[in-house]
Amino acid sequence: MGKLHQKLEALKIEHRDLDYAIATLTDRGPFDQVQVQRLKKRKLWLRDMIAKLEAELHPDIIA
């Protein structure tokens, strides 16, 4: 497995973990809105990085 594939997998795992962390925090009643916003921002950044790496690994070739 190449370095890009490993990085992509690590980003996907972190994205999934953040999804779980956000759900856990918001389900427990009162929660720190700022903390949740930071986690969501990180999750969006991860999504963008995942999309970028996937585009590098599987570029669209328009003939």
PDB file of N, CA and C in Angstrom:
ATOM      1  N   MET A   1       0.859  -1.176   0.000  1.00  0.00           N
ATOM      2  CA  MET A   1       0.000   0.000   0.000  1.00  0.00           C
ATOM      3  C   MET A   1       0.901   1.234   0.000  1.00  0.00           C
ATOM      4  N   GLY A   2       0.575   2.186  -0.856  1.00  0.00           N
ATOM      5  CA  GLY A   2       1.389   3.384  -0.975  1.00  0.00           C
ATOM      6  C   GLY A   2       1.158   4.359   0.163  1.00  0.00           C
ATOM      7  N   LYS A   3       2.031   5.331   0.195  1.00  0.00           N
ATOM      8  CA  LYS A   3       1.962   6.346   1.250  1.00  0.00           C
ATOM      9  C   LYS A   3       0.653   7.132   1.199  1.00  0.00           C
ATOM     10  N   LEU A   4       0.195   7.451  -0.030  1.00  0.00           N
ATOM     11  CA  LEU A   4      -1.064   8.192  -0.167  1.00  0.00           C
ATOM     12  C   LEU A   4      -2.243   7.370   0.332  1.00  0.00           C
ATOM     13  N   HIS A   5      -2.230   6.077   0.046  1.00  0.00           N
ATOM     14  CA  HIS A   5      -3.309   5.199   0.516  1.00  0.00           C
ATOM     15  C   HIS A   5      -3.336   5.143   2.051  1.00  0.00           C
ATOM     16  N   GLN A   6      -2.155   5.072   2.651  1.00  0.00           N
ATOM     17  CA  GLN A   6      -2.076   5.036   4.114  1.00  0.00           C
ATOM     18  C   GLN A   6      -2.585   6.335   4.717  1.00  0.00           C
ATOM     19  N   LYS A   7      -2.193   7.460   4.130  1.00  0.00           N
ATOM     20  CA  LYS A   7      -2.636   8.771   4.620  1.00  0.00           C
ATOM     21  C   LYS A   7      -4.152   8.887   4.483  1.00  0.00           C
ATOM     22  N   LEU A   8      -4.669   8.452   3.339  1.00  0.00           N
ATOM     23  CA  LEU A   8      -6.113   8.501   3.092  1.00  0.00           C
ATOM     24  C   LEU A   8      -6.865   7.676   4.133  1.00  0.00           C
ATOM     25  N   GLU A   9      -6.377   6.489   4.411  1.00  0.00           N
ATOM     26  CA  GLU A   9      -7.033   5.625   5.399  1.00  0.00           C
ATOM     27  C   GLU A   9      -6.997   6.249   6.793  1.00  0.00           C
ATOM     28  N   ALA A  10      -5.877   6.856   7.148  1.00  0.00           N
ATOM     29  CA  ALA A  10      -5.754   7.512   8.451  1.00  0.00           C
ATOM     30  C   ALA A  10      -6.736   8.676   8.570  1.00  0.00           C
ATOM     31  N   LEU A  11      -6.877   9.442   7.490  1.00  0.00           N
ATOM     32  CA  LEU A  11      -7.826  10.568   7.500  1.00  0.00           C
ATOM     33  C   LEU A  11      -9.267  10.070   7.631  1.00  0.00           C
ATOM     34  N   LYS A  12      -9.584   8.987   6.936  1.00  0.00           N
ATOM     35  CA  LYS A  12     -10.940   8.429   7.015  1.00  0.00           C
ATOM     36  C   LYS A  12     -11.249   7.938   8.430  1.00  0.00           C
ATOM     37  N   ILE A  13     -10.261   7.331   9.072  1.00  0.00           N
ATOM     38  CA  ILE A  13     -10.450   6.849  10.442  1.00  0.00           C
ATOM     39  C   ILE A  13     -10.672   8.023  11.386  1.00  0.00           C
ATOM     40  N   GLU A  14      -9.862   9.075  11.243  1.00  0.00           N
ATOM     41  CA  GLU A  14     -10.034  10.253  12.101  1.00  0.00           C
ATOM     42  C   GLU A  14     -11.390  10.898  11.865  1.00  0.00           C
ATOM     43  N   HIS A  15     -11.836  10.955  10.611  1.00  0.00           N
ATOM     44  CA  HIS A  15     -13.142  11.539  10.272  1.00  0.00           C
ATOM     45  C   HIS A  15     -14.256  10.750  10.954  1.00  0.00           C
ATOM     46  N   ARG A  16     -14.161   9.429  10.892  1.00  0.00           N
ATOM     47  CA  ARG A  16     -15.153   8.554  11.527  1.00  0.00           C
ATOM     48  C   ARG A  16     -15.148   8.731  13.049  1.00  0.00           C
ATOM     49  N   ASP A  17     -13.957   8.835  13.625  1.00  0.00           N
ATOM     50  CA  ASP A  17     -13.829   9.030  15.067  1.00  0.00           C
ATOM     51  C   ASP A  17     -14.438  10.361  15.504  1.00  0.00           C
ATOM     52  N   LEU A  18     -14.224  11.398  14.711  1.00  0.00           N
ATOM     53  CA  LEU A  18     -14.806  12.706  15.035  1.00  0.00           C
ATOM     54  C   LEU A  18     -16.324  12.650  14.970  1.00  0.00           C
ATOM     55  N   ASP A  19     -16.844  11.931  13.990  1.00  0.00           N
ATOM     56  CA  ASP A  19     -18.293  11.766  13.870  1.00  0.00           C
ATOM     57  C   ASP A  19     -18.854  11.160  15.150  1.00  0.00           C
ATOM     58  N   TYR A  20     -18.189  10.139  15.650  1.00  0.00           N
ATOM     59  CA  TYR A  20     -18.609   9.479  16.886  1.00  0.00           C
ATOM     60  C   TYR A  20     -18.481  10.430  18.083  1.00  0.00           C
ATOM     61  N   ALA A  21     -17.374  11.166  18.150  1.00  0.00           N
ATOM     62  CA  ALA A  21     -17.148  12.087  19.266  1.00  0.00           C
ATOM     63  C   ALA A  21     -18.205  13.190  19.296  1.00  0.00           C
ATOM     64  N   ILE A  22     -18.541  13.732  18.138  1.00  0.00           N
ATOM     65  CA  ILE A  22     -19.552  14.790  18.055  1.00  0.00           C
ATOM     66  C   ILE A  22     -20.910  14.245  18.495  1.00  0.00           C
ATOM     67  N   ALA A  23     -21.263  13.069  18.007  1.00  0.00           N
ATOM     68  CA  ALA A  23     -22.542  12.464  18.377  1.00  0.00           C
ATOM     69  C   ALA A  23     -22.600  12.196  19.878  1.00  0.00           C
ATOM     70  N   THR A  24     -21.519  11.706  20.441  1.00  0.00           N
ATOM     71  CA  THR A  24     -21.471  11.413  21.875  1.00  0.00           C
ATOM     72  C   THR A  24     -21.621  12.685  22.700  1.00  0.00           C
ATOM     73  N   LEU A  25     -20.908  13.730  22.317  1.00  0.00           N
ATOM     74  CA  LEU A  25     -20.989  14.996  23.055  1.00  0.00           C
ATOM     75  C   LEU A  25     -22.389  15.591  23.012  1.00  0.00           C
ATOM     76  N   THR A  26     -23.001  15.599  21.842  1.00  0.00           N
ATOM     77  CA  THR A  26     -24.298  16.252  21.696  1.00  0.00           C
ATOM     78  C   THR A  26     -25.443  15.434  22.290  1.00  0.00           C
ATOM     79  N   ASP A  27     -25.238  14.138  22.461  1.00  0.00           N
ATOM     80  CA  ASP A  27     -26.285  13.279  23.039  1.00  0.00           C
ATOM     81  C   ASP A  27     -26.348  13.338  24.563  1.00  0.00           C
ATOM     82  N   ARG A  28     -25.329  13.888  25.183  1.00  0.00           N
ATOM     83  CA  ARG A  28     -25.233  13.848  26.642  1.00  0.00           C
ATOM     84  C   ARG A  28     -25.838  15.053  27.351  1.00  0.00           C
ATOM     85  N   GLY A  29     -26.742  15.750  26.714  1.00  0.00           N
ATOM     86  CA  GLY A  29     -27.345  16.909  27.377  1.00  0.00           C
ATOM     87  C   GLY A  29     -26.514  18.151  27.166  1.00  0.00           C
ATOM     88  N   PRO A  30     -26.297  18.947  28.203  1.00  0.00           N
ATOM     89  CA  PRO A  30     -25.544  20.188  28.007  1.00  0.00           C
ATOM     90  C   PRO A  30     -24.119  19.888  27.528  1.00  0.00           C
ATOM     91  N   PHE A  31     -23.709  20.620  26.501  1.00  0.00           N
ATOM     92  CA  PHE A  31     -22.371  20.396  25.955  1.00  0.00           C
ATOM     93  C   PHE A  31     -21.760  21.729  25.554  1.00  0.00           C
ATOM     94  N   ASP A  32     -20.466  21.719  25.399  1.00  0.00           N
ATOM     95  CA  ASP A  32     -19.707  22.910  25.032  1.00  0.00           C
ATOM     96  C   ASP A  32     -19.841  23.144  23.530  1.00  0.00           C
ATOM     97  N   GLN A  33     -20.612  24.157  23.179  1.00  0.00           N
ATOM     98  CA  GLN A  33     -20.882  24.445  21.766  1.00  0.00           C
ATOM     99  C   GLN A  33     -19.599  24.786  21.003  1.00  0.00           C
ATOM    100  N   VAL A  34     -18.687  25.486  21.662  1.00  0.00           N
ATOM    101  CA  VAL A  34     -17.428  25.864  21.015  1.00  0.00           C
ATOM    102  C   VAL A  34     -16.613  24.609  20.675  1.00  0.00           C
ATOM    103  N   GLN A  35     -16.563  23.678  21.601  1.00  0.00           N
ATOM    104  CA  GLN A  35     -15.830  22.436  21.361  1.00  0.00           C
ATOM    105  C   GLN A  35     -16.439  21.668  20.195  1.00  0.00           C
ATOM    106  N   VAL A  36     -17.763  21.591  20.147  1.00  0.00           N
ATOM    107  CA  VAL A  36     -18.437  20.876  19.068  1.00  0.00           C
ATOM    108  C   VAL A  36     -18.164  21.567  17.733  1.00  0.00           C
ATOM    109  N   GLN A  37     -18.177  22.909  17.720  1.00  0.00           N
ATOM    110  CA  GLN A  37     -17.888  23.648  16.489  1.00  0.00           C
ATOM    111  C   GLN A  37     -16.463  23.374  16.005  1.00  0.00           C
ATOM    112  N   ARG A  38     -15.524  23.303  16.941  1.00  0.00           N
ATOM    113  CA  ARG A  38     -14.132  22.997  16.558  1.00  0.00           C
ATOM    114  C   ARG A  38     -14.021  21.609  15.957  1.00  0.00           C
ATOM    115  N   LEU A  39     -14.712  20.658  16.565  1.00  0.00           N
ATOM    116  CA  LEU A  39     -14.690  19.294  16.047  1.00  0.00           C
ATOM    117  C   LEU A  39     -15.323  19.222  14.659  1.00  0.00           C
ATOM    118  N   LYS A  40     -16.420  19.947  14.469  1.00  0.00           N
ATOM    119  CA  LYS A  40     -17.083  19.954  13.166  1.00  0.00           C
ATOM    120  C   LYS A  40     -16.196  20.611  12.107  1.00  0.00           C
ATOM    121  N   LYS A  41     -15.492  21.667  12.498  1.00  0.00           N
ATOM    122  CA  LYS A  41     -14.588  22.339  11.569  1.00  0.00           C
ATOM    123  C   LYS A  41     -13.461  21.393  11.155  1.00  0.00           C
ATOM    124  N   ARG A  42     -12.917  20.669  12.121  1.00  0.00           N
ATOM    125  CA  ARG A  42     -11.863  19.695  11.831  1.00  0.00           C
ATOM    126  C   ARG A  42     -12.399  18.607  10.907  1.00  0.00           C
ATOM    127  N   LYS A  43     -13.632  18.174  11.169  1.00  0.00           N
ATOM    128  CA  LYS A  43     -14.247  17.130  10.357  1.00  0.00           C
ATOM    129  C   LYS A  43     -14.420  17.592   8.909  1.00  0.00           C
ATOM    130  N   LEU A  44     -14.815  18.850   8.709  1.00  0.00           N
ATOM    131  CA  LEU A  44     -14.950  19.397   7.355  1.00  0.00           C
ATOM    132  C   LEU A  44     -13.590  19.476   6.661  1.00  0.00           C
ATOM    133  N   TRP A  45     -12.565  19.887   7.406  1.00  0.00           N
ATOM    134  CA  TRP A  45     -11.221  19.950   6.850  1.00  0.00           C
ATOM    135  C   TRP A  45     -10.779  18.557   6.417  1.00  0.00           C
ATOM    136  N   LEU A  46     -11.044  17.566   7.260  1.00  0.00           N
ATOM    137  CA  LEU A  46     -10.688  16.188   6.927  1.00  0.00           C
ATOM    138  C   LEU A  46     -11.406  15.724   5.663  1.00  0.00           C
ATOM    139  N   ARG A  47     -12.681  16.069   5.545  1.00  0.00           N
ATOM    140  CA  ARG A  47     -13.455  15.689   4.358  1.00  0.00           C
ATOM    141  C   ARG A  47     -12.819  16.272   3.098  1.00  0.00           C
ATOM    142  N   ASP A  48     -12.395  17.529   3.184  1.00  0.00           N
ATOM    143  CA  ASP A  48     -11.743  18.167   2.040  1.00  0.00           C
ATOM    144  C   ASP A  48     -10.420  17.490   1.698  1.00  0.00           C
ATOM    145  N   MET A  49      -9.646  17.144   2.723  1.00  0.00           N
ATOM    146  CA  MET A  49      -8.367  16.473   2.495  1.00  0.00           C
ATOM    147  C   MET A  49      -8.567  15.077   1.898  1.00  0.00           C
ATOM    148  N   ILE A  50      -9.593  14.373   2.362  1.00  0.00           N
ATOM    149  CA  ILE A  50      -9.923  13.056   1.828  1.00  0.00           C
ATOM    150  C   ILE A  50     -10.279  13.172   0.351  1.00  0.00           C
ATOM    151  N   ALA A  51     -11.103  14.164   0.025  1.00  0.00           N
ATOM    152  CA  ALA A  51     -11.503  14.368  -1.367  1.00  0.00           C
ATOM    153  C   ALA A  51     -10.282  14.701  -2.231  1.00  0.00           C
ATOM    154  N   LYS A  52      -9.386  15.520  -1.707  1.00  0.00           N
ATOM    155  CA  LYS A  52      -8.180  15.898  -2.448  1.00  0.00           C
ATOM    156  C   LYS A  52      -7.296  14.679  -2.713  1.00  0.00           C
ATOM    157  N   LEU A  53      -7.079  13.865  -1.689  1.00  0.00           N
ATOM    158  CA  LEU A  53      -6.252  12.666  -1.862  1.00  0.00           C
ATOM    159  C   LEU A  53      -6.902  11.664  -2.817  1.00  0.00           C
ATOM    160  N   GLU A  54      -8.220  11.511  -2.714  1.00  0.00           N
ATOM    161  CA  GLU A  54      -8.909  10.591  -3.621  1.00  0.00           C
ATOM    162  C   GLU A  54      -8.794  11.071  -5.062  1.00  0.00           C
ATOM    163  N   ALA A  55      -8.847  12.389  -5.256  1.00  0.00           N
ATOM    164  CA  ALA A  55      -8.687  12.948  -6.600  1.00  0.00           C
ATOM    165  C   ALA A  55      -7.281  12.702  -7.135  1.00  0.00           C
ATOM    166  N   GLU A  56      -6.284  12.764  -6.251  1.00  0.00           N
ATOM    167  CA  GLU A  56      -4.913  12.482  -6.673  1.00  0.00           C
ATOM    168  C   GLU A  56      -4.729  11.002  -7.026  1.00  0.00           C
ATOM    169  N   LEU A  57      -5.389  10.145  -6.274  1.00  0.00           N
ATOM    170  CA  LEU A  57      -5.252   8.706  -6.521  1.00  0.00           C
ATOM    171  C   LEU A  57      -6.048   8.243  -7.723  1.00  0.00           C
ATOM    172  N   HIS A  58      -7.178   8.895  -7.972  1.00  0.00           N
ATOM    173  CA  HIS A  58      -8.065   8.499  -9.065  1.00  0.00           C
ATOM    174  C   HIS A  58      -8.470   9.739  -9.867  1.00  0.00           C
ATOM    175  N   PRO A  59      -7.539  10.303 -10.616  1.00  0.00           N
ATOM    176  CA  PRO A  59      -7.872  11.519 -11.368  1.00  0.00           C
ATOM    177  C   PRO A  59      -8.871  11.233 -12.480  1.00  0.00           C
ATOM    178  N   ASP A  60      -9.752  12.194 -12.723  1.00  0.00           N
ATOM    179  CA  ASP A  60     -10.697  12.086 -13.841  1.00  0.00           C
ATOM    180  C   ASP A  60      -9.939  12.458 -15.119  1.00  0.00           C
ATOM    181  N   ILE A  61      -9.949  11.563 -16.067  1.00  0.00           N
ATOM    182  CA  ILE A  61      -9.265  11.833 -17.320  1.00  0.00           C
ATOM    183  C   ILE A  61     -10.329  12.121 -18.372  1.00  0.00           C
ATOM    184  N   ILE A  62     -10.316  13.358 -18.826  1.00  0.00           N
ATOM    185  CA  ILE A  62     -11.278  13.761 -19.842  1.00  0.00           C
ATOM    186  C   ILE A  62     -10.548  13.763 -21.186  1.00  0.00           C
ATOM    187  N   ALA A  63     -11.046  12.932 -22.102  1.00  0.00           N
ATOM    188  CA  ALA A  63     -10.376  12.815 -23.404  1.00  0.00           C
ATOM    189  C   ALA A  63     -10.964  13.779 -24.402  1.00  0.00           C
TER     190      ALA A  63
END
